[in-house]
PDB file of N, CA and C in Angstrom:
ATOM      1  N   MET A   1     158.456 159.534  84.873  1.00  0.00           N
ATOM      2  CA  MET A   1     157.932 160.182  84.288  1.00  0.00           C
ATOM      3  C   MET A   1     156.420 160.620  84.208  1.00  0.00           C
ATOM      4  N   THR A   2     156.022 161.507  83.980  1.00  0.00           N
ATOM      5  CA  THR A   2     154.586 161.831  84.163  1.00  0.00           C
ATOM      6  C   THR A   2     153.795 162.333  82.942  1.00  0.00           C
ATOM      7  N   PHE A   3     152.446 161.893  82.978  1.00  0.00           N
ATOM      8  CA  PHE A   3     151.903 162.143  81.260  1.00  0.00           C
ATOM      9  C   PHE A   3     150.647 163.112  81.760  1.00  0.00           C
ATOM     10  N   PHE A   4     150.522 164.049  81.428  1.00  0.00           N
ATOM     11  CA  PHE A   4     148.917 164.605  82.089  1.00  0.00           C
ATOM     12  C   PHE A   4     148.041 164.422  81.074  1.00  0.00           C
ATOM     13  N   ILE A   5     146.765 164.442  81.678  1.00  0.00           N
ATOM     14  CA  ILE A   5     145.599 164.545  80.698  1.00  0.00           C
ATOM     15  C   ILE A   5     144.282 165.367  81.478  1.00  0.00           C
ATOM     16  N   LYS A   6     143.491 165.899  80.961  1.00  0.00           N
ATOM     17  CA  LYS A   6     142.176 166.514  81.580  1.00  0.00           C
ATOM     18  C   LYS A   6     141.401 165.021  81.235  1.00  0.00           C
ATOM     19  N   GLN A   7     140.161 165.522  82.435  1.00  0.00           N
ATOM     20  CA  GLN A   7     139.403 164.744  82.622  1.00  0.00           C
ATOM     21  C   GLN A   7     138.248 164.667  81.660  1.00  0.00           C
ATOM     22  N   ASN A   8     137.577 163.380  80.986  1.00  0.00           N
ATOM     23  CA  ASN A   8     136.883 163.017  80.052  1.00  0.00           C
ATOM     24  C   ASN A   8     137.728 162.951  78.913  1.00  0.00           C
ATOM     25  N   SER A   9     138.858 163.164  78.711  1.00  0.00           N
ATOM     26  CA  SER A   9     139.507 163.505  77.452  1.00  0.00           C
ATOM     27  C   SER A   9     139.755 162.355  77.021  1.00  0.00           C
ATOM     28  N   THR A  10     140.028 162.172  75.457  1.00  0.00           N
ATOM     29  CA  THR A  10     140.595 161.157  74.661  1.00  0.00           C
ATOM     30  C   THR A  10     141.864 161.478  74.094  1.00  0.00           C
ATOM     31  N   LEU A  11     142.613 162.557  74.263  1.00  0.00           N
ATOM     32  CA  LEU A  11     143.838 163.235  73.406  1.00  0.00           C
ATOM     33  C   LEU A  11     144.647 163.825  74.622  1.00  0.00           C
ATOM     34  N   PRO A  12     146.083 163.469  74.523  1.00  0.00           N
ATOM     35  CA  PRO A  12     146.487 163.113  73.436  1.00  0.00           C
ATOM     36  C   PRO A  12     146.606 161.547  73.913  1.00  0.00           C
ATOM     37  N   THR A  13     147.255 160.816  72.535  1.00  0.00           N
ATOM     38  CA  THR A  13     147.555 159.429  72.906  1.00  0.00           C
ATOM     39  C   THR A  13     148.903 159.570  73.724  1.00  0.00           C
ATOM     40  N   LEU A  14     148.713 158.395  74.538  1.00  0.00           N
ATOM     41  CA  LEU A  14     149.856 157.886  75.243  1.00  0.00           C
ATOM     42  C   LEU A  14     151.057 157.192  74.406  1.00  0.00           C
ATOM     43  N   ARG A  15     152.251 158.090  74.640  1.00  0.00           N
ATOM     44  CA  ARG A  15     153.187 157.387  74.090  1.00  0.00           C
ATOM     45  C   ARG A  15     154.464 156.749  74.612  1.00  0.00           C
ATOM     46  N   MET A  16     155.147 155.581  74.338  1.00  0.00           N
ATOM     47  CA  MET A  16     156.189 155.730  75.127  1.00  0.00           C
ATOM     48  C   MET A  16     157.427 155.426  74.277  1.00  0.00           C
ATOM     49  N   GLU A  17     158.618 155.806  74.226  1.00  0.00           N
ATOM     50  CA  GLU A  17     159.277 155.515  73.607  1.00  0.00           C
ATOM     51  C   GLU A  17     160.792 154.522  74.162  1.00  0.00           C
ATOM     52  N   LEU A  18     161.266 153.849  73.413  1.00  0.00           N
ATOM     53  CA  LEU A  18     162.464 153.052  73.784  1.00  0.00           C
ATOM     54  C   LEU A  18     163.680 154.037  74.222  1.00  0.00           C
ATOM     55  N   ILE A  19     164.461 153.618  75.356  1.00  0.00           N
ATOM     56  CA  ILE A  19     165.580 154.233  75.841  1.00  0.00           C
ATOM     57  C   ILE A  19     166.938 153.515  74.870  1.00  0.00           C
ATOM     58  N   GLU A  20     167.472 153.886  74.274  1.00  0.00           N
ATOM     59  CA  GLU A  20     168.641 153.576  73.788  1.00  0.00           C
ATOM     60  C   GLU A  20     169.813 153.509  74.617  1.00  0.00           C
ATOM     61  N   ASP A  21     169.807 152.731  75.254  1.00  0.00           N
ATOM     62  CA  ASP A  21     171.299 152.996  76.028  1.00  0.00           C
ATOM     63  C   ASP A  21     172.708 152.290  75.606  1.00  0.00           C
ATOM     64  N   GLY A  22     172.814 151.689  74.711  1.00  0.00           N
ATOM     65  CA  GLY A  22     173.654 151.220  74.160  1.00  0.00           C
ATOM     66  C   GLY A  22     174.261 149.940  74.671  1.00  0.00           C
ATOM     67  N   ARG A  23     173.247 149.539  75.114  1.00  0.00           N
ATOM     68  CA  ARG A  23     173.732 148.115  76.067  1.00  0.00           C
ATOM     69  C   ARG A  23     172.777 146.817  75.428  1.00  0.00           C
ATOM     70  N   HIS A  24     171.906 147.075  74.441  1.00  0.00           N
ATOM     71  CA  HIS A  24     171.432 146.089  73.671  1.00  0.00           C
ATOM     72  C   HIS A  24     171.166 146.257  72.310  1.00  0.00           C
ATOM     73  N   ASP A  25     170.429 145.673  71.755  1.00  0.00           N
ATOM     74  CA  ASP A  25     170.581 145.265  70.204  1.00  0.00           C
ATOM     75  C   ASP A  25     168.883 146.101  69.919  1.00  0.00           C
ATOM     76  N   PHE A  26     168.983 147.539  69.681  1.00  0.00           N
ATOM     77  CA  PHE A  26     167.666 147.652  69.939  1.00  0.00           C
ATOM     78  C   PHE A  26     166.994 147.506  68.310  1.00  0.00           C
ATOM     79  N   HIS A  27     167.640 147.233  67.218  1.00  0.00           N
ATOM     80  CA  HIS A  27     167.355 146.639  66.169  1.00  0.00           C
ATOM     81  C   HIS A  27     166.442 145.504  66.344  1.00  0.00           C
ATOM     82  N   LYS A  28     167.212 144.724  66.948  1.00  0.00           N
ATOM     83  CA  LYS A  28     166.364 143.535  67.291  1.00  0.00           C
ATOM     84  C   LYS A  28     165.342 143.313  67.865  1.00  0.00           C
ATOM     85  N   PHE A  29     165.253 144.328  68.472  1.00  0.00           N
ATOM     86  CA  PHE A  29     163.983 144.754  69.738  1.00  0.00           C
ATOM     87  C   PHE A  29     162.758 145.150  68.464  1.00  0.00           C
ATOM     88  N   HIS A  30     163.195 146.149  67.644  1.00  0.00           N
ATOM     89  CA  HIS A  30     162.096 146.931  66.908  1.00  0.00           C
ATOM     90  C   HIS A  30     161.676 146.055  66.129  1.00  0.00           C
ATOM     91  N   GLU A  31     162.420 144.794  65.388  1.00  0.00           N
ATOM     92  CA  GLU A  31     162.219 143.513  64.603  1.00  0.00           C
ATOM     93  C   GLU A  31     161.049 143.024  65.369  1.00  0.00           C
ATOM     94  N   ALA A  32     161.214 142.922  66.488  1.00  0.00           N
ATOM     95  CA  ALA A  32     160.706 141.566  67.193  1.00  0.00           C
ATOM     96  C   ALA A  32     158.880 142.131  68.106  1.00  0.00           C
ATOM     97  N   ILE A  33     158.754 143.304  68.050  1.00  0.00           N
ATOM     98  CA  ILE A  33     157.713 143.931  68.402  1.00  0.00           C
ATOM     99  C   ILE A  33     156.594 144.380  67.836  1.00  0.00           C
ATOM    100  N   GLN A  34     157.423 144.107  66.300  1.00  0.00           N
ATOM    101  CA  GLN A  34     156.032 144.240  65.220  1.00  0.00           C
ATOM    102  C   GLN A  34     155.449 143.292  65.380  1.00  0.00           C
ATOM    103  N   GLY A  35     155.280 142.005  65.873  1.00  0.00           N
ATOM    104  CA  GLY A  35     154.862 140.498  65.820  1.00  0.00           C
ATOM    105  C   GLY A  35     154.416 140.609  67.494  1.00  0.00           C
ATOM    106  N   ALA A  36     154.507 141.275  68.538  1.00  0.00           N
ATOM    107  CA  ALA A  36     153.971 141.084  69.737  1.00  0.00           C
ATOM    108  C   ALA A  36     152.852 141.716  70.085  1.00  0.00           C
ATOM    109  N   ASP A  37     152.050 141.265  70.740  1.00  0.00           N
ATOM    110  CA  ASP A  37     150.917 141.546  71.349  1.00  0.00           C
ATOM    111  C   ASP A  37     150.968 142.767  72.799  1.00  0.00           C
ATOM    112  N   VAL A  38     150.686 143.880  72.578  1.00  0.00           N
ATOM    113  CA  VAL A  38     150.693 144.861  73.827  1.00  0.00           C
ATOM    114  C   VAL A  38     149.672 145.105  74.484  1.00  0.00           C
ATOM    115  N   LYS A  39     149.910 145.235  75.781  1.00  0.00           N
ATOM    116  CA  LYS A  39     148.429 145.801  76.745  1.00  0.00           C
ATOM    117  C   LYS A  39     148.960 146.558  77.532  1.00  0.00           C
ATOM    118  N   PHE A  40     148.117 147.450  77.695  1.00  0.00           N
ATOM    119  CA  PHE A  40     148.115 148.753  78.588  1.00  0.00           C
ATOM    120  C   PHE A  40     147.436 148.391  80.493  1.00  0.00           C
ATOM    121  N   THR A  41     147.888 148.782  81.598  1.00  0.00           N
ATOM    122  CA  THR A  41     147.204 148.529  82.528  1.00  0.00           C
ATOM    123  C   THR A  41     147.570 150.193  83.522  1.00  0.00           C
ATOM    124  N   MET A  42     146.377 150.567  83.971  1.00  0.00           N
ATOM    125  CA  MET A  42     146.444 151.634  84.542  1.00  0.00           C
ATOM    126  C   MET A  42     145.777 151.616  86.367  1.00  0.00           C
ATOM    127  N   THR A  43     146.689 151.933  87.409  1.00  0.00           N
ATOM    128  CA  THR A  43     145.932 151.516  88.920  1.00  0.00           C
ATOM    129  C   THR A  43     146.258 152.712  89.201  1.00  0.00           C
ATOM    130  N   ASN A  44     145.237 153.053  90.022  1.00  0.00           N
ATOM    131  CA  ASN A  44     144.921 154.467  90.817  1.00  0.00           C
ATOM    132  C   ASN A  44     146.296 154.215  92.248  1.00  0.00           C
ATOM    133  N   VAL A  45     147.160 155.128  92.011  1.00  0.00           N
ATOM    134  CA  VAL A  45     148.396 155.311  93.155  1.00  0.00           C
ATOM    135  C   VAL A  45     147.922 154.971  94.697  1.00  0.00           C
ATOM    136  N   ASP A  46     146.836 155.930  94.779  1.00  0.00           N
ATOM    137  CA  ASP A  46     145.933 155.702  96.263  1.00  0.00           C
ATOM    138  C   ASP A  46     145.397 154.427  96.692  1.00  0.00           C
ATOM    139  N   THR A  47     144.761 154.228  96.095  1.00  0.00           N
ATOM    140  CA  THR A  47     143.757 153.161  96.511  1.00  0.00           C
ATOM    141  C   THR A  47     143.765 151.901  96.064  1.00  0.00           C
ATOM    142  N   ASN A  48     145.001 151.642  94.942  1.00  0.00           N
ATOM    143  CA  ASN A  48     145.712 150.656  94.603  1.00  0.00           C
ATOM    144  C   ASN A  48     144.200 149.410  93.378  1.00  0.00           C
ATOM    145  N   VAL A  49     143.367 150.393  92.760  1.00  0.00           N
ATOM    146  CA  VAL A  49     142.635 150.183  92.216  1.00  0.00           C
ATOM    147  C   VAL A  49     142.638 150.290  90.703  1.00  0.00           C
ATOM    148  N   VAL A  50     142.178 149.314  90.084  1.00  0.00           N
ATOM    149  CA  VAL A  50     143.117 149.027  88.851  1.00  0.00           C
ATOM    150  C   VAL A  50     141.814 149.947  88.388  1.00  0.00           C
ATOM    151  N   LYS A  51     142.123 150.710  87.259  1.00  0.00           N
ATOM    152  CA  LYS A  51     141.372 151.264  86.508  1.00  0.00           C
ATOM    153  C   LYS A  51     141.041 151.052  84.808  1.00  0.00           C
ATOM    154  N   VAL A  52     142.398 150.476  84.491  1.00  0.00           N
ATOM    155  CA  VAL A  52     142.387 150.017  82.755  1.00  0.00           C
ATOM    156  C   VAL A  52     143.039 148.985  83.183  1.00  0.00           C
ATOM    157  N   ALA A  53     142.514 147.380  82.673  1.00  0.00           N
ATOM    158  CA  ALA A  53     142.968 146.377  82.730  1.00  0.00           C
ATOM    159  C   ALA A  53     143.352 145.971  81.224  1.00  0.00           C
ATOM    160  N   ASN A  54     144.527 145.309  81.254  1.00  0.00           N
ATOM    161  CA  ASN A  54     144.959 145.193  80.392  1.00  0.00           C
ATOM    162  C   ASN A  54     144.320 144.973  78.947  1.00  0.00           C
ATOM    163  N   ALA A  55     144.279 146.666  78.433  1.00  0.00           N
ATOM    164  CA  ALA A  55     143.695 146.876  77.655  1.00  0.00           C
ATOM    165  C   ALA A  55     144.463 146.702  75.853  1.00  0.00           C
ATOM    166  N   SER A  56     144.093 146.678  75.278  1.00  0.00           N
ATOM    167  CA  SER A  56     145.038 146.526  73.822  1.00  0.00           C
ATOM    168  C   SER A  56     145.708 148.015  73.357  1.00  0.00           C
ATOM    169  N   ALA A  57     146.796 148.066  73.499  1.00  0.00           N
ATOM    170  CA  ALA A  57     147.851 148.940  73.264  1.00  0.00           C
ATOM    171  C   ALA A  57     148.210 148.455  71.742  1.00  0.00           C
ATOM    172  N   TYR A  58     148.860 149.705  71.264  1.00  0.00           N
ATOM    173  CA  TYR A  58     149.975 148.916  70.229  1.00  0.00           C
ATOM    174  C   TYR A  58     151.121 149.529  69.536  1.00  0.00           C
ATOM    175  N   ILE A  59     151.477 149.463  68.610  1.00  0.00           N
ATOM    176  CA  ILE A  59     152.763 149.908  68.144  1.00  0.00           C
ATOM    177  C   ILE A  59     152.714 150.719  66.886  1.00  0.00           C
ATOM    178  N   LYS A  60     153.398 152.006  67.030  1.00  0.00           N
ATOM    179  CA  LYS A  60     153.742 152.900  65.910  1.00  0.00           C
ATOM    180  C   LYS A  60     154.517 153.446  65.187  1.00  0.00           C
ATOM    181  N   LEU A  61     155.100 153.331  63.595  1.00  0.00           N
ATOM    182  CA  LEU A  61     156.517 153.507  63.408  1.00  0.00           C
ATOM    183  C   LEU A  61     156.679 154.993  63.905  1.00  0.00           C
ATOM    184  N   ARG A  62     157.837 155.343  64.542  1.00  0.00           N
ATOM    185  CA  ARG A  62     158.496 156.459  64.792  1.00  0.00           C
ATOM    186  C   ARG A  62     158.555 157.656  63.826  1.00  0.00           C
ATOM    187  N   GLU A  63     158.504 158.773  63.907  1.00  0.00           N
ATOM    188  CA  GLU A  63     158.830 159.563  62.810  1.00  0.00           C
ATOM    189  C   GLU A  63     160.406 159.827  63.094  1.00  0.00           C
ATOM    190  N   ASN A  64     161.404 159.595  62.391  1.00  0.00           N
ATOM    191  CA  ASN A  64     162.602 159.914  62.402  1.00  0.00           C
ATOM    192  C   ASN A  64     163.381 160.659  61.023  1.00  0.00           C
ATOM    193  N   ASP A  65     164.490 160.880  61.208  1.00  0.00           N
ATOM    194  CA  ASP A  65     165.250 160.994  59.782  1.00  0.00           C
ATOM    195  C   ASP A  65     166.140 159.890  59.528  1.00  0.00           C
ATOM    196  N   THR A  66     166.397 158.818  59.811  1.00  0.00           N
ATOM    197  CA  THR A  66     167.309 157.840  59.896  1.00  0.00           C
ATOM    198  C   THR A  66     166.840 156.851  59.211  1.00  0.00           C
ATOM    199  N   CYS A  67     167.257 155.940  58.329  1.00  0.00           N
ATOM    200  CA  CYS A  67     166.875 154.851  57.801  1.00  0.00           C
ATOM    201  C   CYS A  67     166.370 153.664  58.557  1.00  0.00           C
ATOM    202  N   THR A  68     166.662 153.477  59.888  1.00  0.00           N
ATOM    203  CA  THR A  68     166.020 152.575  60.742  1.00  0.00           C
ATOM    204  C   THR A  68     164.822 152.939  61.180  1.00  0.00           C
ATOM    205  N   GLU A  69     164.192 151.717  60.666  1.00  0.00           N
ATOM    206  CA  GLU A  69     162.318 151.507  61.364  1.00  0.00           C
ATOM    207  C   GLU A  69     162.592 151.553  62.881  1.00  0.00           C
ATOM    208  N   GLU A  70     161.920 152.391  63.524  1.00  0.00           N
ATOM    209  CA  GLU A  70     161.917 152.052  65.055  1.00  0.00           C
ATOM    210  C   GLU A  70     160.604 152.763  65.290  1.00  0.00           C
ATOM    211  N   TYR A  71     160.033 151.905  66.659  1.00  0.00           N
ATOM    212  CA  TYR A  71     158.732 151.724  67.139  1.00  0.00           C
ATOM    213  C   TYR A  71     158.118 152.563  68.479  1.00  0.00           C
ATOM    214  N   VAL A  72     157.253 153.121  69.065  1.00  0.00           N
ATOM    215  CA  VAL A  72     157.219 153.858  69.851  1.00  0.00           C
ATOM    216  C   VAL A  72     155.638 152.940  70.602  1.00  0.00           C
ATOM    217  N   ILE A  73     155.219 152.653  71.341  1.00  0.00           N
ATOM    218  CA  ILE A  73     153.997 152.156  71.616  1.00  0.00           C
ATOM    219  C   ILE A  73     153.417 152.844  72.325  1.00  0.00           C
ATOM    220  N   CYS A  74     151.961 152.717  71.760  1.00  0.00           N
ATOM    221  CA  CYS A  74     150.876 153.683  72.114  1.00  0.00           C
ATOM    222  C   CYS A  74     149.674 152.929  72.870  1.00  0.00           C
ATOM    223  N   TYR A  75     149.119 154.191  73.684  1.00  0.00           N
ATOM    224  CA  TYR A  75     147.458 154.042  73.650  1.00  0.00           C
ATOM    225  C   TYR A  75     146.398 154.787  73.433  1.00  0.00           C
ATOM    226  N   ASP A  76     145.430 154.665  73.271  1.00  0.00           N
ATOM    227  CA  ASP A  76     144.444 155.321  72.778  1.00  0.00           C
ATOM    228  C   ASP A  76     143.824 155.351  73.627  1.00  0.00           C
ATOM    229  N   TRP A  77     143.284 156.585  74.558  1.00  0.00           N
ATOM    230  CA  TRP A  77     142.268 156.459  75.730  1.00  0.00           C
ATOM    231  C   TRP A  77     140.755 156.358  74.994  1.00  0.00           C
ATOM    232  N   LYS A  78     140.110 155.869  75.834  1.00  0.00           N
ATOM    233  CA  LYS A  78     138.756 155.653  75.816  1.00  0.00           C
ATOM    234  C   LYS A  78     137.803 156.812  77.177  1.00  0.00           C
ATOM    235  N   LYS A  79     137.066 157.450  76.899  1.00  0.00           N
ATOM    236  CA  LYS A  79     136.300 158.584  77.869  1.00  0.00           C
ATOM    237  C   LYS A  79     136.195 158.243  79.015  1.00  0.00           C
ATOM    238  N   HIS A  80     136.042 156.865  79.363  1.00  0.00           N
ATOM    239  CA  HIS A  80     135.866 156.614  80.883  1.00  0.00           C
ATOM    240  C   HIS A  80     137.246 155.870  81.249  1.00  0.00           C
ATOM    241  N   ASP A  81     138.137 155.952  80.450  1.00  0.00           N
ATOM    242  CA  ASP A  81     139.576 156.195  81.496  1.00  0.00           C
ATOM    243  C   ASP A  81     139.879 157.185  82.293  1.00  0.00           C
ATOM    244  N   THR A  82     139.492 158.245  81.855  1.00  0.00           N
ATOM    245  CA  THR A  82     139.998 159.643  82.640  1.00  0.00           C
ATOM    246  C   THR A  82     138.913 159.981  82.800  1.00  0.00           C
ATOM    247  N   LYS A  83     137.711 159.351  83.436  1.00  0.00           N
ATOM    248  CA  LYS A  83     136.523 159.745  84.311  1.00  0.00           C
ATOM    249  C   LYS A  83     136.709 160.267  85.578  1.00  0.00           C
ATOM    250  N   GLU A  84     137.807 159.758  86.247  1.00  0.00           N
ATOM    251  CA  GLU A  84     138.140 160.342  87.781  1.00  0.00           C
ATOM    252  C   GLU A  84     139.623 160.770  87.539  1.00  0.00           C
ATOM    253  N   VAL A  85     139.292 161.962  87.948  1.00  0.00           N
ATOM    254  CA  VAL A  85     140.625 162.805  88.473  1.00  0.00           C
ATOM    255  C   VAL A  85     141.584 162.191  89.936  1.00  0.00           C
ATOM    256  N   GLY A  86     143.085 162.174  89.343  1.00  0.00           N
ATOM    257  CA  GLY A  86     143.526 161.012  90.289  1.00  0.00           C
ATOM    258  C   GLY A  86     144.919 161.262  89.576  1.00  0.00           C
ATOM    259  N   THR A  87     145.690 160.493  90.509  1.00  0.00           N
ATOM    260  CA  THR A  87     147.211 160.024  89.839  1.00  0.00           C
ATOM    261  C   THR A  87     147.177 158.305  89.566  1.00  0.00           C
ATOM    262  N   TYR A  88     147.862 157.775  88.583  1.00  0.00           N
ATOM    263  CA  TYR A  88     147.419 156.814  88.474  1.00  0.00           C
ATOM    264  C   TYR A  88     149.184 155.930  87.860  1.00  0.00           C
ATOM    265  N   ARG A  89     149.444 154.761  88.160  1.00  0.00           N
ATOM    266  CA  ARG A  89     150.798 154.157  87.905  1.00  0.00           C
ATOM    267  C   ARG A  89     150.248 153.345  86.113  1.00  0.00           C
ATOM    268  N   GLY A  90     150.867 153.677  85.290  1.00  0.00           N
ATOM    269  CA  GLY A  90     150.641 153.252  84.141  1.00  0.00           C
ATOM    270  C   GLY A  90     151.892 152.190  83.918  1.00  0.00           C
ATOM    271  N   THR A  91     151.391 150.933  83.440  1.00  0.00           N
ATOM    272  CA  THR A  91     152.537 149.722  82.548  1.00  0.00           C
ATOM    273  C   THR A  91     152.002 149.380  81.745  1.00  0.00           C
ATOM    274  N   PHE A  92     153.029 148.987  80.382  1.00  0.00           N
ATOM    275  CA  PHE A  92     152.757 148.242  79.304  1.00  0.00           C
ATOM    276  C   PHE A  92     153.441 146.778  79.319  1.00  0.00           C
ATOM    277  N   GLU A  93     152.505 145.793  78.933  1.00  0.00           N
ATOM    278  CA  GLU A  93     153.297 144.541  79.087  1.00  0.00           C
ATOM    279  C   GLU A  93     152.970 144.321  77.816  1.00  0.00           C
ATOM    280  N   ILE A  94     154.535 143.677  77.017  1.00  0.00           N
ATOM    281  CA  ILE A  94     154.858 143.240  75.717  1.00  0.00           C
ATOM    282  C   ILE A  94     155.334 141.758  76.076  1.00  0.00           C
ATOM    283  N   THR A  95     153.886 141.120  75.059  1.00  0.00           N
ATOM    284  CA  THR A  95     154.172 139.975  75.227  1.00  0.00           C
ATOM    285  C   THR A  95     154.763 139.195  73.369  1.00  0.00           C
ATOM    286  N   PHE A  96     156.152 138.759  73.530  1.00  0.00           N
ATOM    287  CA  PHE A  96     156.473 138.523  72.048  1.00  0.00           C
ATOM    288  C   PHE A  96     156.273 137.001  71.908  1.00  0.00           C
ATOM    289  N   ASN A  97     155.712 136.861  70.784  1.00  0.00           N
ATOM    290  CA  ASN A  97     155.618 136.094  70.335  1.00  0.00           C
ATOM    291  C   ASN A  97     156.699 134.769  70.314  1.00  0.00           C
ATOM    292  N   ASP A  98     156.421 133.580  70.689  1.00  0.00           N
ATOM    293  CA  ASP A  98     157.615 132.347  71.150  1.00  0.00           C
ATOM    294  C   ASP A  98     158.149 131.946  70.037  1.00  0.00           C
ATOM    295  N   GLY A  99     159.367 131.803  69.458  1.00  0.00           N
ATOM    296  CA  GLY A  99     160.288 131.203  68.400  1.00  0.00           C
ATOM    297  C   GLY A  99     160.217 132.172  67.366  1.00  0.00           C
ATOM    298  N   PHE A 100     160.087 133.559  67.606  1.00  0.00           N
ATOM    299  CA  PHE A 100     159.922 134.230  66.188  1.00  0.00           C
ATOM    300  C   PHE A 100     161.737 134.545  66.036  1.00  0.00           C
ATOM    301  N   LYS A 101     161.659 133.957  64.733  1.00  0.00           N
ATOM    302  CA  LYS A 101     162.918 134.141  64.107  1.00  0.00           C
ATOM    303  C   LYS A 101     162.810 134.778  62.561  1.00  0.00           C
ATOM    304  N   ALA A 102     164.338 135.566  62.516  1.00  0.00           N
ATOM    305  CA  ALA A 102     164.022 136.656  61.335  1.00  0.00           C
ATOM    306  C   ALA A 102     164.928 135.458  60.299  1.00  0.00           C
ATOM    307  N   ASP A 103     164.812 136.063  59.015  1.00  0.00           N
ATOM    308  CA  ASP A 103     164.870 135.712  57.558  1.00  0.00           C
ATOM    309  C   ASP A 103     166.587 135.134  58.003  1.00  0.00           C
ATOM    310  N   ASP A 104     167.457 135.941  58.786  1.00  0.00           N
ATOM    311  CA  ASP A 104     168.985 135.555  58.738  1.00  0.00           C
ATOM    312  C   ASP A 104     169.033 134.534  59.756  1.00  0.00           C
ATOM    313  N   GLY A 105     167.775 133.885  60.610  1.00  0.00           N
ATOM    314  CA  GLY A 105     168.325 132.786  61.609  1.00  0.00           C
ATOM    315  C   GLY A 105     168.075 133.214  62.846  1.00  0.00           C
ATOM    316  N   VAL A 106     168.505 134.697  63.003  1.00  0.00           N
ATOM    317  CA  VAL A 106     168.692 135.261  64.711  1.00  0.00           C
ATOM    318  C   VAL A 106     167.344 135.177  65.257  1.00  0.00           C
ATOM    319  N   GLN A 107     167.394 134.282  66.577  1.00  0.00           N
ATOM    320  CA  GLN A 107     166.517 134.341  67.403  1.00  0.00           C
ATOM    321  C   GLN A 107     166.258 135.217  68.250  1.00  0.00           C
ATOM    322  N   TYR A 108     164.720 135.912  68.263  1.00  0.00           N
ATOM    323  CA  TYR A 108     164.283 137.383  68.599  1.00  0.00           C
ATOM    324  C   TYR A 108     163.772 137.024  70.231  1.00  0.00           C
ATOM    325  N   PRO A 109     163.749 138.279  71.231  1.00  0.00           N
ATOM    326  CA  PRO A 109     163.146 137.898  71.992  1.00  0.00           C
ATOM    327  C   PRO A 109     161.653 137.198  72.297  1.00  0.00           C
ATOM    328  N   THR A 110     161.863 136.582  73.438  1.00  0.00           N
ATOM    329  CA  THR A 110     160.486 136.135  73.508  1.00  0.00           C
ATOM    330  C   THR A 110     160.431 135.732  74.855  1.00  0.00           C
ATOM    331  N   GLY A 111     158.604 135.561  75.346  1.00  0.00           N
ATOM    332  CA  GLY A 111     158.464 136.127  76.663  1.00  0.00           C
ATOM    333  C   GLY A 111     157.668 137.540  77.151  1.00  0.00           C
ATOM    334  N   VAL A 112     157.666 138.096  78.170  1.00  0.00           N
ATOM    335  CA  VAL A 112     156.997 139.271  78.565  1.00  0.00           C
ATOM    336  C   VAL A 112     157.846 140.097  79.058  1.00  0.00           C
ATOM    337  N   LEU A 113     157.651 141.131  78.121  1.00  0.00           N
ATOM    338  CA  LEU A 113     158.565 142.451  79.202  1.00  0.00           C
ATOM    339  C   LEU A 113     157.856 143.423  79.625  1.00  0.00           C
ATOM    340  N   ASN A 114     157.555 144.012  80.806  1.00  0.00           N
ATOM    341  CA  ASN A 114     156.699 144.911  81.548  1.00  0.00           C
ATOM    342  C   ASN A 114     157.607 146.197  81.292  1.00  0.00           C
ATOM    343  N   MET A 115     157.094 147.039  80.744  1.00  0.00           N
ATOM    344  CA  MET A 115     157.731 148.727  80.125  1.00  0.00           C
ATOM    345  C   MET A 115     156.731 149.727  81.457  1.00  0.00           C
ATOM    346  N   PRO A 116     157.426 150.734  81.869  1.00  0.00           N
ATOM    347  CA  PRO A 116     158.512 151.453  81.824  1.00  0.00           C
ATOM    348  C   PRO A 116     159.725 150.517  82.609  1.00  0.00           C
ATOM    349  N   ILE A 117     160.517 150.540  82.373  1.00  0.00           N
ATOM    350  CA  ILE A 117     161.638 149.936  83.011  1.00  0.00           C
ATOM    351  C   ILE A 117     162.231 150.834  83.852  1.00  0.00           C
ATOM    352  N   ARG A 118     162.880 151.558  83.686  1.00  0.00           N
ATOM    353  CA  ARG A 118     164.367 152.406  84.151  1.00  0.00           C
ATOM    354  C   ARG A 118     163.585 153.468  85.504  1.00  0.00           C
ATOM    355  N   GLU A 119     162.245 154.263  84.831  1.00  0.00           N
ATOM    356  CA  GLU A 119     161.364 155.100  85.847  1.00  0.00           C
ATOM    357  C   GLU A 119     159.917 154.347  85.749  1.00  0.00           C
ATOM    358  N   GLU A 120     159.143 155.252  86.348  1.00  0.00           N
ATOM    359  CA  GLU A 120     157.632 154.480  86.557  1.00  0.00           C
ATOM    360  C   GLU A 120     156.761 155.606  85.488  1.00  0.00           C
ATOM    361  N   LEU A 121     156.048 155.378  85.310  1.00  0.00           N
ATOM    362  CA  LEU A 121     154.960 155.875  84.018  1.00  0.00           C
ATOM    363  C   LEU A 121     153.988 156.335  85.518  1.00  0.00           C
ATOM    364  N   PHE A 122     153.515 157.645  85.392  1.00  0.00           N
ATOM    365  CA  PHE A 122     152.449 158.438  86.077  1.00  0.00           C
ATOM    366  C   PHE A 122     151.885 158.665  85.388  1.00  0.00           C
ATOM    367  N   ILE A 123     150.601 159.042  85.380  1.00  0.00           N
ATOM    368  CA  ILE A 123     149.109 159.440  84.566  1.00  0.00           C
ATOM    369  C   ILE A 123     148.619 160.577  85.655  1.00  0.00           C
ATOM    370  N   SER A 124     148.607 161.881  85.428  1.00  0.00           N
ATOM    371  CA  SER A 124     148.080 162.829  86.120  1.00  0.00           C
ATOM    372  C   SER A 124     146.869 163.082  85.227  1.00  0.00           C
ATOM    373  N   VAL A 125     145.207 162.511  85.887  1.00  0.00           N
ATOM    374  CA  VAL A 125     143.900 163.261  85.382  1.00  0.00           C
ATOM    375  C   VAL A 125     143.668 164.510  85.728  1.00  0.00           C
ATOM    376  N   LEU A 126     143.667 165.502  85.019  1.00  0.00           N
ATOM    377  CA  LEU A 126     143.588 166.598  85.483  1.00  0.00           C
ATOM    378  C   LEU A 126     141.991 166.950  85.661  1.00  0.00           C
ATOM    379  N   PRO A 127     141.335 168.044  86.759  1.00  0.00           N
ATOM    380  CA  PRO A 127     140.035 168.404  86.296  1.00  0.00           C
ATOM    381  C   PRO A 127     139.797 169.396  85.065  1.00  0.00           C
ATOM    382  N   ASN A 128     139.125 169.437  84.616  1.00  0.00           N
ATOM    383  CA  ASN A 128     138.331 170.226  83.440  1.00  0.00           C
ATOM    384  C   ASN A 128     138.795 171.640  83.809  1.00  0.00           C
TER     385      ASN A 128
END
């Protein structure tokens, strides 16, 4: 996946949605992520220099027509993030709170998850 943004821009917000493949309990994941810490890192693919390191990201309720609450992972750009034209690899690190249990006693994920999982996220900063 490639995300395009203009040099020195702060919009649009970077948003990552989960791919529901039917193999996992995504309802469980959406519950657990509400208490997780989310960080964003962006590295230049040519020089391997980190441009953004463990910056705070957040989750946002996804707008949908269902009764289920689903979330997207977001990062709001700072002007210095997009100062240099180039191609970058982006990753989100989600740290779930250890020992999180729902009211029904179900144990939710713990530990660290790096996203994206299926395909890499590339950010292309384009000249004005």
